[in-house]
Amino acid sequence: MDKKRTIMDDKAISRAVARISYEICERNKGTEGICIIGIISRGAPIGRRIARKLKELENADVPFGTLDITPYRDDVSGDIVSDATDIPFSVTDKKVIIVDDVIFTGRSARAAMDAIIKRGRPRCVQLAVLVDRGHRELPIRPDYVGKNLPTSHSEEVKVSVTELDGCDSVAIYS
C-alpha cells in the first residue's frame, strides 16, 4: 500500500456534505422529526457537518449524536467493556439518519442499525455516506452518497477529516 491517489480534497468534501444535506431536506420535506447519528470515528464529524448544514438550510436544530458500533460488530469477539456512544435524545418515532465515512461490505451499517434499534423504534432509518466503494456482503444500500468510488478489494480508501486528522481528503492507497 504505497501508491496514493487523492480522490477528494476539502472543497469536494464540502460540496458532497452540502449536496447530501440538500438531498436529506428534499427527501424528508424539511427537517421535522430528523436526527443525525454519526458513526465513530470519521462518520461523527461528517454527521456533525451535515447537522450544521441542515440548521443553516432550514433554520431548525437537528438533534445530533455519535454512535460507537464496536459492541455490535460481528467481527469482534470477546467482552467489550466500553461504549463511547453519545445519543442524548430518543430515537423512537424519529427519522434516524446514520452517517459514515465509507461504506464497503455493509457490516458497519448493519451494526449501527442494531445499536439504534436497541435504543428505540425509529420511524425509519436512512444511511448517508461520504464514499461508496462497492463490494457489499450484505443487502444494504445508502440513501445518500457523496461519491461513488469503484475500487478493488486490494485497495484501501482513507478518509481524513480536519477534526481528527488536520485536513479534509479522501485517498485511495494501492
Protein backbone atom coordinates (compact mmCIF):
# COMPACT_ATOMS: atom_id res chain seq x y z
CA MET A 1 0.00 0.00 0.00
CA ASP A 2 2.43 2.66 -1.10
CA LYS A 3 0.74 4.35 -4.06
CA LYS A 4 -1.65 7.15 -3.00
CA ARG A 5 -4.22 8.89 -5.20
CA THR A 6 -6.20 11.78 -3.74
CA ILE A 7 -9.82 11.49 -4.88
CA MET A 8 -11.48 14.33 -2.93
CA ASP A 9 -9.98 17.48 -1.44
CA ASP A 10 -11.52 19.78 1.17
CA LYS A 11 -13.67 21.61 -1.39
CA ALA A 12 -15.03 18.36 -2.87
CA ILE A 13 -15.87 17.06 0.61
CA SER A 14 -17.61 20.33 1.48
CA ARG A 15 -19.67 20.13 -1.73
CA ALA A 16 -20.58 16.50 -1.01
CA VAL A 17 -21.73 17.37 2.53
CA ALA A 18 -23.84 20.24 1.16
CA ARG A 19 -25.36 18.02 -1.55
CA ILE A 20 -26.19 15.27 0.95
CA SER A 21 -27.79 17.87 3.24
CA TYR A 22 -29.96 19.24 0.42
CA GLU A 23 -31.00 15.70 -0.55
CA ILE A 24 -31.95 14.94 3.07
CA CYS A 25 -34.15 18.07 3.15
CA GLU A 26 -35.79 17.22 -0.16
CA ARG A 27 -36.46 13.57 0.61
CA ASN A 28 -37.81 14.28 4.10
CA LYS A 29 -39.64 17.51 3.19
CA GLY A 30 -37.56 19.52 5.66
CA THR A 31 -36.00 18.52 8.96
CA GLU A 32 -39.09 17.79 11.08
CA GLY A 33 -38.53 14.57 13.06
CA ILE A 34 -35.00 14.04 11.75
CA CYS A 35 -31.99 13.21 13.88
CA ILE A 36 -28.41 12.63 12.73
CA ILE A 37 -26.22 9.92 14.24
CA GLY A 38 -22.57 9.79 13.17
CA ILE A 39 -20.61 6.57 13.47
CA ILE A 40 -17.40 7.00 15.46
CA SER A 41 -14.83 7.89 14.31
CA ARG A 42 -14.95 9.71 10.95
CA GLY A 43 -18.70 9.43 10.44
CA ALA A 44 -19.19 11.58 13.54
CA PRO A 45 -17.53 14.79 12.24
CA ILE A 46 -19.18 14.33 8.84
CA GLY A 47 -22.55 13.87 10.58
CA ARG A 48 -21.96 16.99 12.69
CA ARG A 49 -21.27 18.96 9.49
CA ILE A 50 -24.49 17.67 7.94
CA ALA A 51 -26.45 18.66 11.07
CA ARG A 52 -24.93 22.17 10.90
CA LYS A 53 -25.76 22.47 7.19
CA LEU A 54 -29.35 21.34 7.84
CA LYS A 55 -29.67 24.06 10.51
CA GLU A 56 -28.35 26.59 8.02
CA LEU A 57 -30.80 25.43 5.33
CA GLU A 58 -33.93 25.01 7.46
CA ASN A 59 -33.19 27.28 10.44
CA ALA A 60 -34.01 24.41 12.81
CA ASP A 61 -31.84 22.46 15.22
CA VAL A 62 -31.40 18.83 14.22
CA PRO A 63 -30.54 16.52 17.11
CA PHE A 64 -27.06 15.03 16.69
CA GLY A 65 -25.44 12.06 18.38
CA THR A 66 -22.45 9.80 17.98
CA LEU A 67 -22.52 6.02 17.86
CA ASP A 68 -19.82 3.54 18.80
CA ILE A 69 -20.66 0.38 16.83
CA THR A 70 -17.85 -1.72 18.34
CA PRO A 71 -20.16 -3.68 20.69
CA TYR A 72 -22.39 -4.57 17.73
CA ARG A 73 -19.78 -5.65 15.18
CA ASP A 74 -19.86 -9.28 14.04
CA ASP A 75 -16.08 -9.41 13.54
CA VAL A 76 -15.13 -8.55 17.12
CA SER A 77 -15.12 -11.29 19.71
CA GLY A 78 -14.81 -11.19 23.45
CA ASP A 79 -16.22 -8.85 26.05
CA ILE A 80 -16.31 -5.20 25.05
CA VAL A 81 -16.36 -3.04 28.13
CA SER A 82 -16.51 0.47 26.71
CA ASP A 83 -19.11 2.12 24.54
CA ALA A 84 -18.39 5.72 23.53
CA THR A 85 -21.92 6.27 22.20
CA ASP A 86 -23.45 9.66 22.97
CA ILE A 87 -27.06 9.91 21.78
CA PRO A 88 -28.70 12.49 24.09
CA PHE A 89 -32.21 12.06 22.66
CA SER A 90 -34.76 9.35 22.00
CA VAL A 91 -34.72 7.68 18.56
CA THR A 92 -38.26 6.42 18.99
CA ASP A 93 -40.52 7.58 16.13
CA LYS A 94 -37.67 9.66 14.62
CA LYS A 95 -36.26 9.63 11.11
CA VAL A 96 -32.77 8.48 12.02
CA ILE A 97 -30.03 9.27 9.53
CA ILE A 98 -26.88 7.26 10.15
CA VAL A 99 -23.72 8.91 8.79
CA ASP A 100 -20.50 7.06 7.99
CA ASP A 101 -17.40 7.96 6.03
CA VAL A 102 -17.14 4.89 3.77
CA ILE A 103 -19.48 2.01 3.01
CA PHE A 104 -17.75 -1.16 1.89
CA THR A 105 -19.20 -4.53 2.95
CA GLY A 106 -22.21 -3.05 4.76
CA ARG A 107 -21.30 -4.62 8.09
CA SER A 108 -20.74 -1.29 9.89
CA ALA A 109 -24.14 -0.06 8.72
CA ARG A 110 -25.76 -3.29 9.97
CA ALA A 111 -24.05 -2.89 13.34
CA ALA A 112 -25.24 0.74 13.53
CA MET A 113 -28.83 -0.30 12.80
CA ASP A 114 -28.66 -2.96 15.52
CA ALA A 115 -27.35 -0.38 18.01
CA ILE A 116 -30.04 2.17 17.14
CA ILE A 117 -32.91 -0.30 17.24
CA LYS A 118 -31.73 -1.41 20.69
CA ARG A 119 -32.32 2.21 21.84
CA GLY A 120 -35.86 2.51 20.49
CA ARG A 121 -38.05 2.10 17.44
CA PRO A 122 -37.32 4.76 14.81
CA ARG A 123 -39.95 5.74 12.24
CA CYS A 124 -37.31 5.00 9.60
CA VAL A 125 -33.56 4.65 9.25
CA GLN A 126 -31.63 6.22 6.38
CA LEU A 127 -27.94 5.95 5.59
CA ALA A 128 -25.65 8.75 4.37
CA VAL A 129 -22.03 8.05 3.40
CA LEU A 130 -19.27 10.24 2.06
CA VAL A 131 -17.88 7.42 -0.12
CA ASP A 132 -19.48 4.24 -1.51
CA ARG A 133 -16.71 1.92 -2.65
CA GLY A 134 -18.90 -1.08 -3.51
CA HIS A 135 -18.22 -4.75 -2.64
CA ARG A 136 -21.26 -5.29 -0.41
CA GLU A 137 -21.55 -8.51 1.58
CA LEU A 138 -24.97 -7.56 2.96
CA PRO A 139 -28.03 -6.18 1.12
CA ILE A 140 -27.52 -2.61 2.34
CA ARG A 141 -27.57 0.45 0.10
CA PRO A 142 -27.00 4.04 1.24
CA ASP A 143 -29.75 6.62 0.67
CA TYR A 144 -27.27 9.49 0.27
CA VAL A 145 -23.80 9.21 -1.28
CA GLY A 146 -21.16 11.91 -1.59
CA LYS A 147 -19.09 9.99 -4.14
CA ASN A 148 -19.32 6.55 -5.74
CA LEU A 149 -15.79 5.21 -5.94
CA PRO A 150 -15.33 1.81 -7.59
CA THR A 151 -12.33 0.08 -6.01
CA SER A 152 -10.66 -3.30 -5.98
CA HIS A 153 -10.57 -5.42 -2.82
CA SER A 154 -6.84 -4.81 -2.53
CA GLU A 155 -7.19 -1.02 -2.41
CA GLU A 156 -7.74 0.94 0.78
CA VAL A 157 -9.88 4.08 0.99
CA LYS A 158 -8.73 6.55 3.65
CA VAL A 159 -10.92 9.47 4.69
CA SER A 160 -9.23 12.28 6.60
CA VAL A 161 -11.22 14.96 8.43
CA THR A 162 -9.89 18.19 9.87
CA GLU A 163 -11.37 17.45 13.30
CA LEU A 164 -9.26 14.28 13.69
CA ASP A 165 -6.51 14.45 11.07
CA GLY A 166 -5.84 18.15 10.49
CA CYS A 167 -7.12 18.17 6.90
CA ASP A 168 -10.03 17.00 4.73
CA SER A 169 -9.33 14.47 1.98
CA VAL A 170 -10.24 11.11 0.53
CA ALA A 171 -7.44 8.99 -0.88
CA ILE A 172 -7.03 5.53 -2.36
CA TYR A 173 -3.96 3.51 -1.48
CA SER A 174 -2.93 0.66 -3.75
